[in-house]
Protein backbone atom coordinates (compact mmCIF):
# COMPACT_ATOMS: atom_id res chain seq x y z
CA MET A 1 0.00 0.00 0.00
CA LYS A 2 1.41 3.34 -1.10
CA ARG A 3 1.83 6.02 1.47
CA LYS A 4 0.02 9.26 0.87
CA ARG A 5 2.45 12.03 0.07
CA VAL A 6 2.45 14.77 2.67
CA VAL A 7 2.47 18.28 1.21
CA SER A 8 4.33 20.90 3.21
CA LEU A 9 2.88 24.32 3.91
CA LYS A 10 5.45 25.92 1.60
CA GLN A 11 4.48 23.60 -1.27
CA ALA A 12 0.79 24.30 -0.68
CA LYS A 13 1.42 28.05 -0.84
CA ALA A 14 3.41 27.57 -4.05
CA ARG A 15 0.52 25.70 -5.65
CA ILE A 16 -1.84 28.52 -4.72
CA GLY A 17 0.59 30.94 -6.35
CA TYR A 18 0.57 28.90 -9.54
CA VAL A 19 -3.22 29.05 -9.58
CA PHE A 20 -3.15 32.84 -9.44
CA VAL A 21 -0.44 33.07 -12.13
CA LEU A 22 -2.11 30.56 -14.46
CA PRO A 23 -4.66 32.99 -16.05
CA THR A 24 -1.84 35.39 -16.94
CA LEU A 25 0.23 32.58 -18.45
CA ILE A 26 -2.72 31.40 -20.50
CA GLY A 27 -3.34 34.95 -21.73
CA VAL A 28 0.33 35.40 -22.70
CA VAL A 29 0.36 32.13 -24.65
CA LEU A 30 -2.93 32.80 -26.45
CA PHE A 31 -2.47 36.48 -27.29
CA PHE A 32 1.32 36.85 -27.56
CA GLY A 33 2.60 33.40 -28.51
CA TYR A 34 1.64 33.38 -32.21
CA PRO A 35 2.56 37.07 -32.86
CA MET A 36 6.01 36.51 -31.33
CA ILE A 37 6.63 33.41 -33.47
CA ARG A 38 5.41 35.29 -36.54
CA SER A 39 7.61 38.26 -35.71
CA LEU A 40 10.64 35.97 -35.32
CA ALA A 41 9.93 34.51 -38.77
CA PHE A 42 9.69 38.05 -40.20
CA SER A 43 13.08 38.97 -38.72
CA PHE A 44 14.81 36.23 -40.76
CA SER A 45 12.89 37.02 -43.95
CA SER A 46 12.41 39.60 -46.63
CA VAL A 47 8.74 40.47 -46.31
CA GLY A 48 6.72 41.44 -49.34
CA ILE A 49 3.04 42.25 -49.73
CA THR A 50 1.29 40.68 -52.73
CA GLU A 51 -2.29 40.33 -53.89
CA LYS A 52 -2.48 36.95 -52.16
CA GLY A 53 -1.15 38.29 -48.87
CA ILE A 54 2.24 38.38 -47.20
CA ALA A 55 5.13 36.64 -48.94
CA LEU A 56 8.27 35.66 -47.01
CA ALA A 57 11.67 35.05 -48.58
CA PHE A 58 14.36 33.70 -46.27
CA ALA A 59 17.10 36.29 -45.73
CA GLY A 60 19.11 34.74 -42.90
CA PHE A 61 20.71 37.26 -40.56
CA GLY A 62 20.60 40.01 -43.18
CA ASN A 63 18.04 42.09 -41.28
CA TYR A 64 20.03 41.83 -38.05
CA GLN A 65 23.23 42.81 -39.85
CA HIS A 66 21.49 45.79 -41.43
CA ALA A 67 20.10 46.94 -38.06
CA LEU A 68 23.46 46.69 -36.28
CA PHE A 69 25.98 47.72 -38.94
CA VAL A 70 24.15 49.52 -41.76
CA ASP A 71 21.46 51.63 -40.12
CA ALA A 72 23.14 54.74 -38.78
CA ASN A 73 20.46 55.69 -36.24
CA TYR A 74 19.39 52.43 -34.62
CA ARG A 75 22.48 51.74 -32.50
CA GLU A 76 22.71 55.37 -31.36
CA ILE A 77 19.04 55.50 -30.37
CA VAL A 78 19.22 52.16 -28.52
CA ALA A 79 22.33 53.33 -26.65
CA ARG A 80 20.50 56.54 -25.70
CA SER A 81 17.50 54.53 -24.45
CA LEU A 82 19.83 52.34 -22.39
CA LEU A 83 21.55 55.38 -20.88
CA ASP A 84 18.21 57.04 -20.04
CA THR A 85 17.06 53.83 -18.34
CA LEU A 86 20.22 53.52 -16.25
CA ILE A 87 19.77 57.14 -15.16
CA ASN A 88 16.06 56.87 -14.40
CA VAL A 89 16.03 53.59 -12.48
CA PRO A 90 17.92 54.69 -9.32
CA VAL A 91 16.15 58.06 -9.15
CA ILE A 92 12.64 56.67 -9.63
CA THR A 93 13.22 53.72 -7.27
CA PHE A 94 14.53 55.76 -4.35
CA PHE A 95 12.02 58.56 -4.90
CA SER A 96 9.17 56.02 -4.89
CA PHE A 97 10.48 54.40 -1.72
CA PHE A 98 10.86 57.80 -0.03
CA VAL A 99 7.31 58.87 -0.96
CA ALA A 100 5.86 55.50 0.10
CA THR A 101 7.61 55.81 3.47
CA LEU A 102 6.09 59.26 3.98
CA LEU A 103 2.61 58.14 2.93
CA ASN A 104 2.84 55.16 5.29
CA GLN A 105 3.21 57.40 8.34
CA LYS A 106 0.20 57.96 10.59
CA PHE A 107 -0.97 61.57 10.48
CA ARG A 108 -4.21 63.45 10.09
CA GLY A 109 -5.43 63.74 6.55
CA ARG A 110 -3.33 60.81 5.34
CA PHE A 111 -6.08 59.60 3.00
CA LEU A 112 -6.43 63.09 1.52
CA VAL A 113 -2.67 63.38 0.95
CA ARG A 114 -2.59 59.99 -0.79
CA THR A 115 -5.50 61.01 -2.99
CA ILE A 116 -3.84 64.30 -3.92
CA PHE A 117 -0.62 62.50 -4.79
CA PHE A 118 -2.11 59.68 -6.88
CA LEU A 119 -5.00 61.50 -8.58
CA PRO A 120 -2.85 63.48 -11.05
CA ILE A 121 -0.99 60.30 -12.03
CA VAL A 122 -4.20 58.38 -12.76
CA MET A 123 -5.90 61.28 -14.53
CA ALA A 124 -2.84 62.18 -16.57
CA SER A 125 -2.34 58.64 -17.85
CA SER A 126 -6.03 58.30 -18.74
CA ALA A 127 -6.07 61.69 -20.43
CA LEU A 128 -3.03 60.89 -22.55
CA MET A 129 -4.60 57.61 -23.65
CA ALA A 130 -7.89 59.31 -24.53
CA LEU A 131 -6.26 62.26 -26.31
CA ASP A 132 -3.75 60.25 -28.32
CA GLN A 133 -4.58 62.04 -31.54
CA GLY A 134 -3.91 65.17 -33.61
CA ASP A 135 -3.33 68.72 -32.52
CA LEU A 136 -5.18 68.31 -29.24
CA LEU A 137 -2.53 65.92 -27.95
CA GLN A 138 0.21 68.27 -29.11
CA THR A 139 -1.45 71.11 -27.24
CA VAL A 140 -1.72 69.07 -24.05
CA MET A 141 1.87 67.85 -24.31
CA GLY A 142 3.00 71.39 -25.04
CA SER A 143 1.37 72.56 -21.83
CA ALA A 144 3.03 69.72 -19.92
CA GLN A 145 6.38 70.69 -21.43
CA GLY A 146 5.85 74.27 -20.36
CA PHE A 147 5.08 73.08 -16.85
CA LYS A 148 8.24 71.01 -16.77
CA GLU A 149 10.32 73.93 -17.96
CA SER A 150 8.82 76.22 -15.36
CA ALA A 151 9.34 73.61 -12.64
CA ALA A 152 12.98 73.05 -13.60
CA PHE A 153 15.84 75.15 -12.31
CA GLY A 154 16.44 78.44 -14.02
CA GLY A 155 19.84 79.01 -15.57
CA GLY A 156 21.28 81.09 -12.71
CA ASN A 157 19.72 79.02 -9.92
CA ARG A 158 20.90 75.80 -11.48
CA LEU A 159 24.49 77.03 -11.76
CA ALA A 160 24.33 78.28 -8.16
CA VAL A 161 23.13 74.89 -6.87
CA LEU A 162 25.75 73.12 -8.99
CA TYR A 163 28.53 75.35 -7.62
CA SER A 164 27.33 74.97 -4.00
CA LEU A 165 27.26 71.15 -4.18
CA ILE A 166 30.70 71.03 -5.75
CA GLU A 167 32.03 73.34 -3.04
CA ALA A 168 30.56 70.93 -0.46
CA GLY A 169 32.97 68.28 -1.72
CA LEU A 170 30.72 66.12 -3.93
CA PRO A 171 32.22 64.83 -7.20
CA ARG A 172 31.09 66.76 -10.26
CA PRO A 173 29.41 63.74 -12.00
CA VAL A 174 27.34 63.08 -8.86
CA VAL A 175 26.35 66.75 -8.63
CA GLU A 176 25.32 66.90 -12.28
CA TYR A 177 23.28 63.73 -11.81
CA ILE A 178 21.46 65.20 -8.80
CA VAL A 179 20.75 68.50 -10.54
CA SER A 180 19.53 66.82 -13.74
CA ALA A 181 17.26 64.54 -11.69
CA THR A 182 15.84 67.56 -9.87
CA ALA A 183 15.21 69.30 -13.19
CA ARG A 184 13.23 66.22 -14.35
CA ILE A 185 11.07 66.00 -11.24
CA PHE A 186 7.87 66.16 -13.32
CA ASP A 187 8.86 63.03 -15.29
CA ILE A 188 10.04 61.26 -12.15
CA VAL A 189 6.71 61.83 -10.38
CA MET A 190 4.73 60.70 -13.42
CA LEU A 191 6.77 57.49 -13.76
CA SER A 192 6.79 56.53 -10.07
CA GLY A 193 3.09 55.95 -9.34
CA VAL A 194 3.06 52.16 -9.62
CA GLN A 195 6.33 51.83 -7.72
CA VAL A 196 4.95 53.93 -4.86
CA LEU A 197 1.96 51.58 -4.64
CA ILE A 198 4.28 48.56 -4.62
CA PHE A 199 6.39 49.95 -1.78
CA LEU A 200 3.36 51.18 0.15
CA ALA A 201 1.78 47.72 0.03
CA GLY A 202 5.06 46.18 1.19
CA LEU A 203 5.47 48.62 4.08
CA GLN A 204 1.94 47.95 5.28
CA SER A 205 2.51 44.17 5.17
CA ILE A 206 5.37 44.25 7.70
CA PRO A 207 4.00 42.92 11.03
CA ARG A 208 3.94 45.47 13.84
CA SER A 209 5.00 42.74 16.24
CA VAL A 210 8.48 42.75 14.69
CA TYR A 211 8.93 46.43 15.49
CA GLU A 212 7.51 45.99 19.00
CA ALA A 213 9.91 43.14 19.73
CA ALA A 214 12.85 45.21 18.47
CA MET A 215 11.83 48.20 20.60
CA ILE A 216 11.66 45.99 23.70
CA GLU A 217 15.25 44.93 22.98
CA GLY A 218 16.30 48.59 22.84
CA SER A 219 16.35 49.11 19.08
CA THR A 220 16.16 52.70 17.80
CA ALA A 221 14.11 53.97 14.86
CA TRP A 222 17.28 54.10 12.76
CA ASP A 223 18.07 50.46 13.60
CA ASN A 224 14.52 49.45 12.79
CA TYR A 225 14.74 51.11 9.38
CA TRP A 226 17.96 49.43 8.26
CA LYS A 227 17.56 46.07 10.02
CA ILE A 228 13.80 45.50 9.68
CA THR A 229 12.12 47.78 7.15
CA PHE A 230 14.75 47.78 4.41
CA PRO A 231 15.48 44.00 4.46
CA MET A 232 11.80 43.06 4.53
CA ILE A 233 10.99 45.48 1.70
CA SER A 234 13.91 44.19 -0.43
CA PRO A 235 11.80 41.70 -2.49
CA LEU A 236 9.56 44.56 -3.55
CA MET A 237 12.63 46.69 -4.19
CA LEU A 238 13.66 44.07 -6.74
CA THR A 239 10.17 44.10 -8.25
CA ALA A 240 10.13 47.90 -8.47
CA VAL A 241 13.57 48.03 -10.12
CA LEU A 242 12.66 45.47 -12.77
CA TYR A 243 9.32 47.16 -13.39
CA THR A 244 11.06 50.54 -13.78
CA VAL A 245 13.53 49.09 -16.29
CA ILE A 246 10.80 47.57 -18.44
CA ASP A 247 8.57 50.63 -18.12
CA SER A 248 11.42 52.94 -19.16
CA PHE A 249 12.26 50.82 -22.21
CA THR A 250 8.62 50.61 -23.31
CA ALA A 251 7.44 54.15 -22.49
CA ALA A 252 5.23 55.90 -25.04
CA GLY A 253 7.89 58.46 -25.96
CA ASN A 254 10.73 55.96 -26.32
CA GLU A 255 12.80 56.74 -29.43
CA THR A 256 13.65 53.10 -30.13
CA LEU A 257 9.98 52.13 -30.32
CA ALA A 258 9.39 55.09 -32.63
CA ILE A 259 12.10 54.05 -35.10
CA ILE A 260 10.81 50.46 -35.06
CA GLN A 261 7.28 51.63 -35.85
CA ASN A 262 8.48 54.01 -38.58
CA THR A 263 10.55 51.26 -40.19
CA ALA A 264 7.52 48.97 -40.32
CA PHE A 265 4.63 51.27 -41.21
CA ARG A 266 6.30 54.18 -43.03
CA ASN A 267 9.12 52.43 -44.84
CA GLN A 268 7.15 49.17 -45.21
CA ASN A 269 10.23 47.15 -44.17
CA PHE A 270 8.62 44.64 -41.84
CA GLY A 271 11.58 42.25 -41.78
CA LEU A 272 14.03 44.92 -40.61
CA SER A 273 11.49 46.22 -38.10
CA ALA A 274 11.05 42.72 -36.65
CA ALA A 275 14.82 42.29 -36.37
CA MET A 276 15.10 45.63 -34.56
CA SER A 277 12.32 44.55 -32.21
CA TRP A 278 14.01 41.26 -31.35
CA LEU A 279 17.38 42.94 -30.76
CA TYR A 280 15.67 45.41 -28.47
CA PHE A 281 13.80 42.59 -26.71
CA LEU A 282 17.05 40.68 -26.14
CA LEU A 283 18.71 43.82 -24.74
CA ILE A 284 15.85 44.33 -22.27
CA GLY A 285 15.89 40.66 -21.29
CA LEU A 286 19.67 40.71 -20.79
CA LEU A 287 19.55 43.84 -18.62
CA VAL A 288 16.63 42.51 -16.56
CA GLY A 289 18.42 39.19 -16.09
CA ILE A 290 21.66 40.86 -14.95
CA LEU A 291 19.84 43.11 -12.50
CA ALA A 292 17.77 40.22 -11.15
CA LEU A 293 20.93 38.12 -10.70
CA LEU A 294 22.76 40.91 -8.90
CA LEU A 295 19.90 42.11 -6.70
CA THR A 296 18.65 38.65 -5.72
CA ARG A 297 21.80 38.10 -3.68
CA TRP A 298 20.78 40.61 -1.00
CA VAL A 299 17.01 40.08 -1.14
CA PHE A 300 15.55 38.82 2.13
CA TYR A 301 12.42 36.68 1.94
CA TYR A 302 10.25 36.53 5.02
CA ASP A 303 8.09 33.43 5.44
CA LYS A 304 5.05 34.11 7.58
CA PRO A 305 4.29 31.34 10.07
């Protein structure tokens, strides 16, 4: 007689997780599986449109070679997108964590402050999706650009802040990074909404009993922050970083996406556009994999009893 296999609590929780992930996996396979396979076939082919439909002629790695070594703009634009992402990720991540920490504090009017902070993000994203057409969108974006310019440092003030920070002993690259991030505060706020929600949910999930036990042992607020809050929020820190990377690479105003779309729909070169897309996809996957491998080493996972 076979013994009945005993399932541990950890295995049972993992199975429940698979159940929640299953609908997403099914949706990805059904709605993205065939287009990705078709796009991969396009990238190795010369695509032509005939009366009978789309005709494919095998071209090997010709499209990839053209994208990397013939097209003068693609490599430069991809490098610029990569640089923008590497600049945005630390700023957006730490800004989101800082805002989430403030919004997690207990004070009067906390709900109102959260509403004021998140309402412009939700309304702005919905408005941009609804107004994605013609001169009206250009007018709205022009107003947003004017707001960003007015919110940024003026020429004299910016030089004064730059000079003051350098005089304080900070290296010039660090000072320029801080000043440029401050000048892009509008973009940072607009791109940090989801990350703030991620961190806020993580902060609220930390049991109060952990802090109470630490305080009984004589722990200070500073010790609690670095030895309790930060380690227990580290899994969500990893999630927020990876989300920020992907969101930055796939933002609506990304230049690489624009050149891929123009190559396909303006120049009617679908094979080259597919090759550009797959190169871009591999770059994103490589960067996400490297970051996940590096950050996973210091991530602390807390198993609730």
